[in-house]
Amino acid sequence: MVKAGMSDEDVMRRIDGSRTIFRLNADDIVFLRNQGISDRLVTYMMDTFTRAALAEQQRRYDYRWGFHYGYGPWGHPHWWW
């Protein structure tokens, strides 16, 4: 996409839109840099894994403290007080 002339911002939007998660190792990073990918875009790609892990952790927390303890579709367990 970068070679086709897309800006870093456009590529980042596409990554977000596709919900792609990258797990880049050192060889991948060197390859991307040799292909002309900017440091900013490579860093953004590396951060997709961290953002996905944090989102999963938040989903688990919300489920455990929300839905499981009665805050799910039924509302607060003591709403009648």
Foldseek 3Di string as FASTA:
>chain_A
DVVVPDDLVVVLVVCVVVLDADCDDPVNVVVCVVVPDDPVSVVSNNCSNVVVVVVVVVVVVCCVPAVVQQCPPRHHPPPVD
